[in-house]
Every structure is written in structure tokens, then in C-alpha cells.
N, C-alpha and C. Protein backbone atom coordinates (compact mmCIF):
# COMPACT_ATOMS: atom_id res chain seq x y z
N UNK A 1 -6.52 4.70 13.47
CA UNK A 1 -7.17 5.97 13.56
C UNK A 1 -7.09 6.52 14.97
N UNK A 2 -6.85 5.64 15.92
CA UNK A 2 -6.76 6.09 17.34
C UNK A 2 -5.62 7.07 17.52
N UNK A 3 -4.58 6.95 16.72
CA UNK A 3 -3.45 7.89 16.84
C UNK A 3 -3.80 9.30 16.44
N UNK A 4 -4.92 9.42 15.74
CA UNK A 4 -5.38 10.73 15.28
C UNK A 4 -6.59 11.20 16.09
N UNK A 5 -6.94 10.50 17.16
CA UNK A 5 -8.01 10.91 18.06
C UNK A 5 -9.36 10.27 17.79
N UNK A 6 -9.47 9.42 16.77
CA UNK A 6 -10.73 8.76 16.45
C UNK A 6 -10.90 7.51 17.30
N UNK A 7 -12.07 7.32 17.87
CA UNK A 7 -12.37 6.14 18.68
C UNK A 7 -13.68 5.49 18.22
N UNK A 8 -13.80 4.21 18.52
CA UNK A 8 -15.01 3.48 18.15
C UNK A 8 -16.09 3.79 19.16
N UNK A 9 -17.20 4.31 18.68
CA UNK A 9 -18.33 4.61 19.55
C UNK A 9 -19.30 3.43 19.61
N UNK A 10 -19.52 2.79 18.46
CA UNK A 10 -20.43 1.66 18.42
C UNK A 10 -20.08 0.79 17.22
N UNK A 11 -20.67 -0.39 17.23
CA UNK A 11 -20.45 -1.33 16.12
C UNK A 11 -21.74 -2.05 15.84
N UNK A 12 -22.03 -2.24 14.56
CA UNK A 12 -23.20 -3.00 14.14
C UNK A 12 -22.73 -3.94 13.04
N UNK A 13 -22.60 -5.20 13.37
CA UNK A 13 -22.05 -6.16 12.43
C UNK A 13 -20.56 -5.84 12.24
N UNK A 14 -20.13 -5.69 11.01
CA UNK A 14 -18.72 -5.39 10.74
C UNK A 14 -18.46 -3.90 10.55
N UNK A 15 -19.50 -3.09 10.71
CA UNK A 15 -19.38 -1.63 10.53
C UNK A 15 -19.20 -0.95 11.88
N UNK A 16 -18.18 -0.11 11.95
CA UNK A 16 -17.88 0.60 13.18
C UNK A 16 -18.09 2.10 12.98
N UNK A 17 -18.65 2.73 14.00
CA UNK A 17 -18.87 4.17 13.98
C UNK A 17 -17.73 4.81 14.77
N UNK A 18 -16.93 5.63 14.10
CA UNK A 18 -15.80 6.29 14.71
C UNK A 18 -16.15 7.76 14.98
N UNK A 19 -15.78 8.24 16.16
CA UNK A 19 -16.05 9.62 16.52
C UNK A 19 -14.73 10.29 16.97
N UNK A 20 -14.73 11.61 16.87
CA UNK A 20 -13.56 12.39 17.26
C UNK A 20 -14.04 13.44 18.25
N UNK A 21 -13.32 13.66 19.36
CA UNK A 21 -13.78 14.60 20.37
C UNK A 21 -13.84 16.05 19.92
N UNK A 22 -13.13 16.40 18.86
CA UNK A 22 -13.11 17.80 18.40
C UNK A 22 -13.98 18.04 17.17
N UNK A 23 -14.70 17.00 16.71
CA UNK A 23 -15.52 17.15 15.52
C UNK A 23 -16.96 16.71 15.82
N UNK A 24 -17.89 17.25 15.06
CA UNK A 24 -19.28 16.91 15.27
C UNK A 24 -19.76 15.79 14.35
N UNK A 25 -18.98 15.50 13.29
CA UNK A 25 -19.34 14.42 12.38
C UNK A 25 -18.76 13.09 12.86
N UNK A 26 -19.02 12.05 12.12
CA UNK A 26 -18.51 10.74 12.47
C UNK A 26 -18.20 9.98 11.19
N UNK A 27 -17.50 8.86 11.33
CA UNK A 27 -17.16 8.01 10.18
C UNK A 27 -17.78 6.63 10.39
N UNK A 28 -18.28 6.04 9.35
CA UNK A 28 -18.72 4.65 9.37
C UNK A 28 -17.72 3.88 8.50
N UNK A 29 -17.06 2.90 9.09
CA UNK A 29 -16.03 2.14 8.38
C UNK A 29 -16.36 0.66 8.49
N UNK A 30 -16.35 -0.04 7.36
CA UNK A 30 -16.58 -1.47 7.33
C UNK A 30 -15.25 -2.18 7.53
N UNK A 31 -15.20 -3.10 8.48
CA UNK A 31 -13.99 -3.87 8.74
C UNK A 31 -14.20 -5.29 8.23
N UNK A 32 -13.82 -5.50 6.98
CA UNK A 32 -13.96 -6.79 6.31
C UNK A 32 -12.59 -7.36 5.97
N UNK A 33 -11.65 -7.25 6.83
CA UNK A 33 -10.30 -7.71 6.51
C UNK A 33 -9.50 -6.54 5.93
N UNK A 34 -9.01 -6.70 4.72
CA UNK A 34 -8.22 -5.64 4.11
C UNK A 34 -9.09 -4.64 3.36
N UNK A 35 -8.61 -3.42 3.31
CA UNK A 35 -9.33 -2.35 2.60
C UNK A 35 -8.53 -1.95 1.36
N UNK A 36 -9.24 -1.61 0.31
CA UNK A 36 -8.58 -1.16 -0.92
C UNK A 36 -7.98 0.21 -0.74
N UNK A 37 -7.00 0.52 -1.57
CA UNK A 37 -6.30 1.81 -1.48
C UNK A 37 -7.25 3.00 -1.61
N UNK A 38 -8.17 2.93 -2.56
CA UNK A 38 -9.10 4.04 -2.75
C UNK A 38 -10.06 4.18 -1.56
N UNK A 39 -10.42 3.07 -0.95
CA UNK A 39 -11.27 3.11 0.24
C UNK A 39 -10.54 3.79 1.40
N UNK A 40 -9.27 3.46 1.56
CA UNK A 40 -8.48 4.08 2.62
C UNK A 40 -8.35 5.56 2.35
N UNK A 41 -8.09 5.95 1.14
CA UNK A 41 -7.98 7.38 0.78
C UNK A 41 -9.28 8.12 1.06
N UNK A 42 -10.42 7.52 0.75
CA UNK A 42 -11.71 8.14 1.01
C UNK A 42 -11.94 8.33 2.50
N UNK A 43 -11.60 7.32 3.30
CA UNK A 43 -11.75 7.41 4.76
C UNK A 43 -10.86 8.51 5.31
N UNK A 44 -9.61 8.57 4.85
CA UNK A 44 -8.70 9.59 5.33
C UNK A 44 -9.19 10.99 4.95
N UNK A 45 -9.71 11.15 3.74
CA UNK A 45 -10.22 12.43 3.31
C UNK A 45 -11.40 12.87 4.18
N UNK A 46 -12.30 11.94 4.47
CA UNK A 46 -13.45 12.24 5.33
C UNK A 46 -13.01 12.60 6.75
N UNK A 47 -11.92 11.96 7.21
CA UNK A 47 -11.43 12.19 8.56
C UNK A 47 -10.55 13.45 8.67
N UNK A 48 -10.19 14.02 7.51
CA UNK A 48 -9.36 15.19 7.51
C UNK A 48 -7.90 14.90 7.81
N UNK A 49 -7.45 13.70 7.43
CA UNK A 49 -6.09 13.26 7.68
C UNK A 49 -5.32 13.21 6.35
N UNK A 50 -4.16 13.83 6.31
CA UNK A 50 -3.32 13.81 5.13
C UNK A 50 -2.71 12.42 4.96
N UNK A 51 -2.70 11.90 3.72
CA UNK A 51 -2.21 10.56 3.46
C UNK A 51 -0.75 10.38 3.90
N UNK A 52 0.10 11.36 3.62
CA UNK A 52 1.51 11.26 4.00
C UNK A 52 1.64 11.26 5.51
N UNK A 53 0.88 12.09 6.19
CA UNK A 53 0.91 12.13 7.67
C UNK A 53 0.46 10.77 8.22
N UNK A 54 -0.53 10.17 7.62
CA UNK A 54 -1.00 8.86 8.06
C UNK A 54 0.08 7.79 7.90
N UNK A 55 0.75 7.80 6.76
CA UNK A 55 1.79 6.80 6.50
C UNK A 55 2.98 6.97 7.45
N UNK A 56 3.29 8.19 7.85
CA UNK A 56 4.40 8.43 8.77
C UNK A 56 4.10 7.87 10.16
N UNK A 57 2.82 7.85 10.55
CA UNK A 57 2.44 7.41 11.89
C UNK A 57 2.16 5.91 11.98
N UNK A 58 2.27 5.20 10.87
CA UNK A 58 2.04 3.74 10.91
C UNK A 58 3.09 3.02 11.70
């Protein structure tokens, strides 16, 4: 997510709070190893990142 401007602001247990300098909202993402496809899609949708654009930057 750092490639898209999101950075970790804080962490509580395995949950990380991601913030973006151009947005007022934030994301809470659980880091428990691997994430399911639908979970990744939900996170990308909340972050305003197109799935194809994300895959190209991997």
C-alpha cells in the first residue's frame, strides 16, 4: 500500500491503521499472514485503488 501513498500510523495487536496524506479517512487492516481475495478487494475498494492498477504495481 506504500506505493499508493498509504502509511502505517499505528498498530494495536495485529491490526494496523493506514493513513493517506491526501485523504481524511483511514483503513484498519488485520495482518494475520495471508488475506483472502475478497478481503483484498474490500481493502482496495475502501482505499480507492483499482484492482488492475494494484496488480500492475506488485
